[in-house]
């Protein structure tokens, strides 16, 4: 059964799902219900051969310990089934290093290690994510570590960061992109080719469920949202599946090979992903 890194280095495209653990401030009963939904989503996705990224304090909100709940409740084999947890610098350093120890002990082969939003929540234990990856690399060299890039930023700078010797990343995820930002994505890819970037990247897509102005405005605080373009697409009759599939297909045509999709409806994550894949007519990594 291939690991995430093996799959990213293969010749076939990969489409993963990104899920968020329940928020830490939920009442006990609500938290239990939310975790049950998360378990079902993880199982249904990984059974079908889909890798799952599980976030850590996404958009500045404190979430429950994703690793502890996975190990205790999803059951035997979860580490080998294709789940890749996130870890941010928004924890004490001792916690972060112990987290990496636990991940390796329970059989996880990869972590995505990010800085975390500086503008909200607790401070970072280290200024930059590469510093935490360096600490983890020294302590648990067996783990494959993922970094981050933002195709909306200066592509020369973004690619240069990934090429730095101390980046300590075998793969990277990107900020959310879409077919409306195809030019930025293609410029990033071209710069990567020009500089000889060989680290595989997983480009983020967001499953926009509606054109609700308040929701889109809230999301815009955390990621680049093409608000006007989305409103026009929904007004023209496009569905959430249609819009996500357009991004998947058009960016794949533009040279992107690997994707993750965020904000899939938890109770129907696997079926929603299948519909999007069908509409995009994208053939991906064979089920494991």
Protein backbone atom coordinates (compact mmCIF):
# COMPACT_ATOMS: atom_id res chain seq x y z
CA UNK A 1 0.00 0.00 0.00
CA UNK A 2 1.66 3.26 -1.09
CA UNK A 3 2.33 6.11 1.29
CA UNK A 4 1.30 9.67 0.50
CA UNK A 5 4.81 10.49 -0.69
CA UNK A 6 4.91 7.42 -2.92
CA UNK A 7 1.56 8.39 -4.43
CA UNK A 8 2.68 11.98 -5.02
CA UNK A 9 5.79 10.73 -6.78
CA UNK A 10 3.84 8.36 -9.03
CA UNK A 11 2.67 9.14 -12.55
CA UNK A 12 -1.02 9.39 -11.62
CA UNK A 13 -2.89 12.45 -10.34
CA UNK A 14 -4.13 12.47 -6.76
CA UNK A 15 -7.19 14.18 -5.28
CA UNK A 16 -7.35 14.23 -1.47
CA UNK A 17 -9.88 15.60 1.00
CA UNK A 18 -9.18 18.08 3.78
CA UNK A 19 -11.34 17.71 6.89
CA UNK A 20 -11.50 19.82 10.05
CA UNK A 21 -11.75 18.22 13.50
CA UNK A 22 -14.53 19.51 15.78
CA UNK A 23 -13.87 22.82 17.51
CA UNK A 24 -12.47 22.49 21.02
CA UNK A 25 -15.14 24.70 22.59
CA UNK A 26 -18.05 22.43 21.63
CA UNK A 27 -20.12 20.92 24.43
CA UNK A 28 -19.30 17.29 25.18
CA UNK A 29 -22.35 15.83 23.44
CA UNK A 30 -21.98 18.07 20.39
CA UNK A 31 -18.28 17.23 20.22
CA UNK A 32 -19.04 13.51 20.35
CA UNK A 33 -21.58 13.82 17.54
CA UNK A 34 -19.16 15.86 15.46
CA UNK A 35 -16.38 13.31 15.94
CA UNK A 36 -18.71 10.48 14.95
CA UNK A 37 -19.41 12.32 11.70
CA UNK A 38 -15.68 12.86 11.24
CA UNK A 39 -14.93 9.16 11.80
CA UNK A 40 -17.52 8.14 9.23
CA UNK A 41 -16.12 10.63 6.71
CA UNK A 42 -12.55 9.45 7.27
CA UNK A 43 -13.54 5.80 6.91
CA UNK A 44 -15.66 6.30 3.79
CA UNK A 45 -12.96 8.35 2.08
CA UNK A 46 -9.99 6.16 2.95
CA UNK A 47 -11.85 2.95 2.09
CA UNK A 48 -12.16 4.33 -1.42
CA UNK A 49 -8.44 5.07 -1.63
CA UNK A 50 -8.69 8.81 -0.92
CA UNK A 51 -6.05 10.44 1.28
CA UNK A 52 -7.41 12.66 4.05
CA UNK A 53 -5.64 15.70 5.47
CA UNK A 54 -6.86 16.56 8.97
CA UNK A 55 -6.33 20.18 9.99
CA UNK A 56 -4.97 21.72 13.18
CA UNK A 57 -6.47 25.04 14.34
CA UNK A 58 -7.76 25.93 10.88
CA UNK A 59 -8.63 29.64 10.32
CA UNK A 60 -7.42 30.38 13.84
CA UNK A 61 -10.01 28.28 15.67
CA UNK A 62 -8.74 25.85 18.29
CA UNK A 63 -9.63 22.28 17.39
CA UNK A 64 -9.51 19.08 19.38
CA UNK A 65 -6.36 16.94 19.29
CA UNK A 66 -6.77 15.29 15.89
CA UNK A 67 -4.17 12.58 16.50
CA UNK A 68 -5.56 11.42 19.83
CA UNK A 69 -9.08 11.07 18.49
CA UNK A 70 -7.94 9.31 15.34
CA UNK A 71 -5.95 6.71 17.24
CA UNK A 72 -8.55 6.16 19.96
CA UNK A 73 -11.70 6.11 17.87
CA UNK A 74 -11.19 5.44 14.18
CA UNK A 75 -9.66 2.07 14.95
CA UNK A 76 -6.77 -0.16 13.92
CA UNK A 77 -5.05 0.67 10.69
CA UNK A 78 -6.10 4.33 10.55
CA UNK A 79 -2.49 5.48 10.31
CA UNK A 80 -1.87 3.24 7.34
CA UNK A 81 -5.19 4.04 5.64
CA UNK A 82 -4.14 7.38 4.20
CA UNK A 83 -4.75 9.98 6.94
CA UNK A 84 -2.21 12.81 7.11
CA UNK A 85 -2.55 15.12 10.14
CA UNK A 86 -1.64 18.79 10.18
CA UNK A 87 0.50 20.27 12.95
CA UNK A 88 0.99 24.02 13.39
CA UNK A 89 3.41 26.06 15.46
CA UNK A 90 0.45 27.31 17.53
CA UNK A 91 1.33 24.95 20.39
CA UNK A 92 4.18 24.75 22.91
CA UNK A 93 7.30 23.24 21.37
CA UNK A 94 7.26 20.27 23.75
CA UNK A 95 3.72 19.46 22.61
CA UNK A 96 4.73 19.65 18.94
CA UNK A 97 7.68 17.30 19.39
CA UNK A 98 5.62 14.88 21.47
CA UNK A 99 2.96 15.01 18.74
CA UNK A 100 5.52 13.95 16.15
CA UNK A 101 6.67 11.14 18.44
CA UNK A 102 3.07 9.94 18.83
CA UNK A 103 2.43 10.13 15.11
CA UNK A 104 5.45 7.96 14.34
CA UNK A 105 4.66 5.56 17.20
CA UNK A 106 1.15 4.97 15.86
CA UNK A 107 2.34 4.34 12.32
CA UNK A 108 1.66 7.63 10.56
CA UNK A 109 4.22 8.23 7.82
CA UNK A 110 3.62 11.92 7.07
CA UNK A 111 2.74 15.22 8.72
CA UNK A 112 1.94 18.61 7.23
CA UNK A 113 3.79 21.15 9.40
CA UNK A 114 2.63 24.76 9.08
CA UNK A 115 3.16 28.03 10.90
CA UNK A 116 -0.45 28.87 11.68
CA UNK A 117 -2.23 32.22 11.46
CA UNK A 118 -0.29 34.82 13.46
CA UNK A 119 -3.24 37.21 13.64
CA UNK A 120 -5.47 35.03 15.82
CA UNK A 121 -5.15 32.50 18.62
CA UNK A 122 -2.06 31.64 20.67
CA UNK A 123 1.44 32.68 19.58
CA UNK A 124 3.69 30.38 17.59
CA UNK A 125 6.29 28.39 19.48
CA UNK A 126 8.72 29.12 16.64
CA UNK A 127 8.66 31.98 14.16
CA UNK A 128 8.66 29.83 11.03
CA UNK A 129 7.32 26.40 10.14
CA UNK A 130 10.65 25.33 8.64
CA UNK A 131 12.17 25.67 12.11
CA UNK A 132 9.62 23.25 13.56
CA UNK A 133 10.15 20.87 10.66
CA UNK A 134 13.88 20.99 11.41
CA UNK A 135 13.25 20.08 15.06
CA UNK A 136 10.96 17.22 14.05
CA UNK A 137 13.42 16.03 11.39
CA UNK A 138 16.17 15.71 13.99
CA UNK A 139 13.86 13.90 16.39
CA UNK A 140 11.78 11.70 14.05
CA UNK A 141 13.60 11.43 10.71
CA UNK A 142 11.25 8.68 9.54
CA UNK A 143 8.32 11.09 9.04
CA UNK A 144 7.76 12.72 5.64
CA UNK A 145 7.08 16.39 6.28
CA UNK A 146 4.93 18.71 4.22
CA UNK A 147 5.35 22.45 3.81
CA UNK A 148 3.32 25.28 2.31
CA UNK A 149 3.29 27.63 -0.67
CA UNK A 150 1.02 30.43 -1.81
CA UNK A 151 0.61 30.69 -5.60
CA UNK A 152 -1.12 34.06 -5.09
CA UNK A 153 2.14 35.53 -3.79
CA UNK A 154 5.30 36.33 -5.69
CA UNK A 155 6.08 33.08 -7.48
CA UNK A 156 9.84 33.68 -7.49
CA UNK A 157 9.88 34.07 -3.71
CA UNK A 158 7.50 31.16 -3.10
CA UNK A 159 9.52 28.71 -5.19
CA UNK A 160 12.77 29.96 -3.67
CA UNK A 161 11.48 29.14 -0.18
CA UNK A 162 10.68 25.57 -1.25
CA UNK A 163 14.15 25.16 -2.75
CA UNK A 164 16.00 26.33 0.35
CA UNK A 165 18.15 23.66 1.95
CA UNK A 166 16.53 24.16 5.34
CA UNK A 167 12.94 23.94 4.04
CA UNK A 168 12.84 20.35 5.38
CA UNK A 169 9.84 19.42 3.23
CA UNK A 170 9.36 16.38 0.99
CA UNK A 171 6.08 17.76 -0.37
CA UNK A 172 3.98 20.89 0.00
CA UNK A 173 0.38 22.02 0.07
CA UNK A 174 -0.82 25.33 -1.33
CA UNK A 175 -3.23 28.08 -0.43
CA UNK A 176 -6.71 27.67 -1.94
CA UNK A 177 -6.79 28.33 -5.69
CA UNK A 178 -9.48 28.03 -8.37
CA UNK A 179 -10.09 28.25 -12.10
CA UNK A 180 -10.46 32.00 -11.55
CA UNK A 181 -6.82 32.17 -10.45
CA UNK A 182 -5.43 29.90 -13.16
CA UNK A 183 -2.94 32.53 -14.35
CA UNK A 184 -1.29 32.75 -10.91
CA UNK A 185 -1.14 28.97 -10.64
CA UNK A 186 0.42 28.58 -14.08
CA UNK A 187 2.99 31.29 -13.28
CA UNK A 188 3.91 29.40 -10.10
CA UNK A 189 4.22 26.12 -12.01
CA UNK A 190 6.36 27.75 -14.70
CA UNK A 191 8.70 29.24 -12.09
CA UNK A 192 8.96 25.81 -10.47
CA UNK A 193 9.93 24.26 -13.80
CA UNK A 194 12.42 27.04 -14.48
CA UNK A 195 14.12 26.55 -11.11
CA UNK A 196 14.02 22.75 -11.23
CA UNK A 197 11.59 22.32 -8.32
CA UNK A 198 11.07 18.58 -7.88
CA UNK A 199 9.13 18.55 -4.60
CA UNK A 200 5.54 17.44 -5.37
CA UNK A 201 2.81 19.94 -4.57
CA UNK A 202 -0.85 19.43 -3.61
CA UNK A 203 -2.99 22.38 -4.69
CA UNK A 204 -5.96 23.40 -2.57
CA UNK A 205 -9.52 23.79 -3.85
CA UNK A 206 -12.49 24.97 -1.80
CA UNK A 207 -15.99 23.51 -2.10
CA UNK A 208 -18.06 26.71 -2.18
CA UNK A 209 -21.58 25.64 -1.25
CA UNK A 210 -23.41 28.86 -2.08
CA UNK A 211 -23.01 32.52 -3.02
CA UNK A 212 -24.08 33.71 0.43
CA UNK A 213 -22.49 37.15 0.79
CA UNK A 214 -21.88 36.88 4.53
CA UNK A 215 -20.21 33.48 4.19
CA UNK A 216 -17.98 34.59 1.32
CA UNK A 217 -17.01 37.76 3.19
CA UNK A 218 -16.08 35.70 6.26
CA UNK A 219 -14.01 33.29 4.18
CA UNK A 220 -12.23 36.21 2.55
CA UNK A 221 -10.62 36.97 5.91
CA UNK A 222 -8.66 33.72 5.66
CA UNK A 223 -8.21 32.88 1.98
CA UNK A 224 -8.49 34.54 -1.44
CA UNK A 225 -12.14 34.23 -2.51
CA UNK A 226 -13.26 35.23 -6.04
CA UNK A 227 -16.51 36.63 -4.67
CA UNK A 228 -17.90 38.34 -7.77
CA UNK A 229 -17.00 35.44 -10.05
CA UNK A 230 -18.62 32.91 -7.74
CA UNK A 231 -21.80 34.95 -7.49
CA UNK A 232 -22.01 35.11 -11.26
CA UNK A 233 -21.53 31.35 -11.60
CA UNK A 234 -24.19 30.52 -9.03
CA UNK A 235 -26.58 33.09 -10.55
CA UNK A 236 -26.10 31.44 -13.94
CA UNK A 237 -27.30 28.13 -12.48
CA UNK A 238 -24.04 26.39 -11.64
CA UNK A 239 -24.06 24.08 -8.62
CA UNK A 240 -21.38 23.74 -5.96
CA UNK A 241 -20.29 20.50 -7.65
CA UNK A 242 -20.08 22.23 -11.03
CA UNK A 243 -17.88 25.05 -9.76
CA UNK A 244 -15.48 22.77 -7.91
CA UNK A 245 -15.27 20.43 -10.90
CA UNK A 246 -14.44 23.38 -13.17
CA UNK A 247 -11.51 24.29 -10.96
CA UNK A 248 -10.34 20.69 -10.88
CA UNK A 249 -10.57 20.21 -14.64
CA UNK A 250 -9.22 23.58 -15.74
CA UNK A 251 -6.27 23.57 -13.34
CA UNK A 252 -5.44 19.98 -14.29
CA UNK A 253 -5.45 21.10 -17.92
CA UNK A 254 -3.11 23.92 -16.86
CA UNK A 255 -0.55 21.52 -15.41
CA UNK A 256 -1.61 20.86 -11.81
CA UNK A 257 -1.29 17.17 -10.96
CA UNK A 258 -2.34 16.82 -7.31
CA UNK A 259 -5.19 18.46 -5.39
CA UNK A 260 -6.90 18.54 -2.03
CA UNK A 261 -10.50 19.70 -1.64
CA UNK A 262 -11.55 21.56 1.49
CA UNK A 263 -15.04 22.12 2.97
CA UNK A 264 -16.68 18.96 1.65
CA UNK A 265 -19.95 18.29 3.53
CA UNK A 266 -18.90 15.96 6.33
CA UNK A 267 -21.83 13.57 6.10
CA UNK A 268 -21.47 13.15 2.33
CA UNK A 269 -17.76 13.77 1.83
CA UNK A 270 -17.00 10.63 -0.18
CA UNK A 271 -20.09 10.80 -2.39
CA UNK A 272 -19.61 14.53 -3.02
CA UNK A 273 -15.99 13.96 -4.00
CA UNK A 274 -17.02 11.19 -6.40
CA UNK A 275 -19.55 13.50 -8.08
CA UNK A 276 -16.94 16.24 -8.48
CA UNK A 277 -14.45 13.77 -9.93
CA UNK A 278 -17.02 12.45 -12.39
CA UNK A 279 -17.92 15.95 -13.56
CA UNK A 280 -14.27 16.86 -13.95
CA UNK A 281 -13.62 13.58 -15.81
CA UNK A 282 -10.33 13.22 -13.96
CA UNK A 283 -8.68 9.82 -13.59
CA UNK A 284 -6.68 9.61 -10.36
CA UNK A 285 -4.56 7.28 -8.28
CA UNK A 286 -6.01 3.79 -8.32
CA UNK A 287 -7.66 2.62 -5.06
CA UNK A 288 -5.18 1.04 -2.70
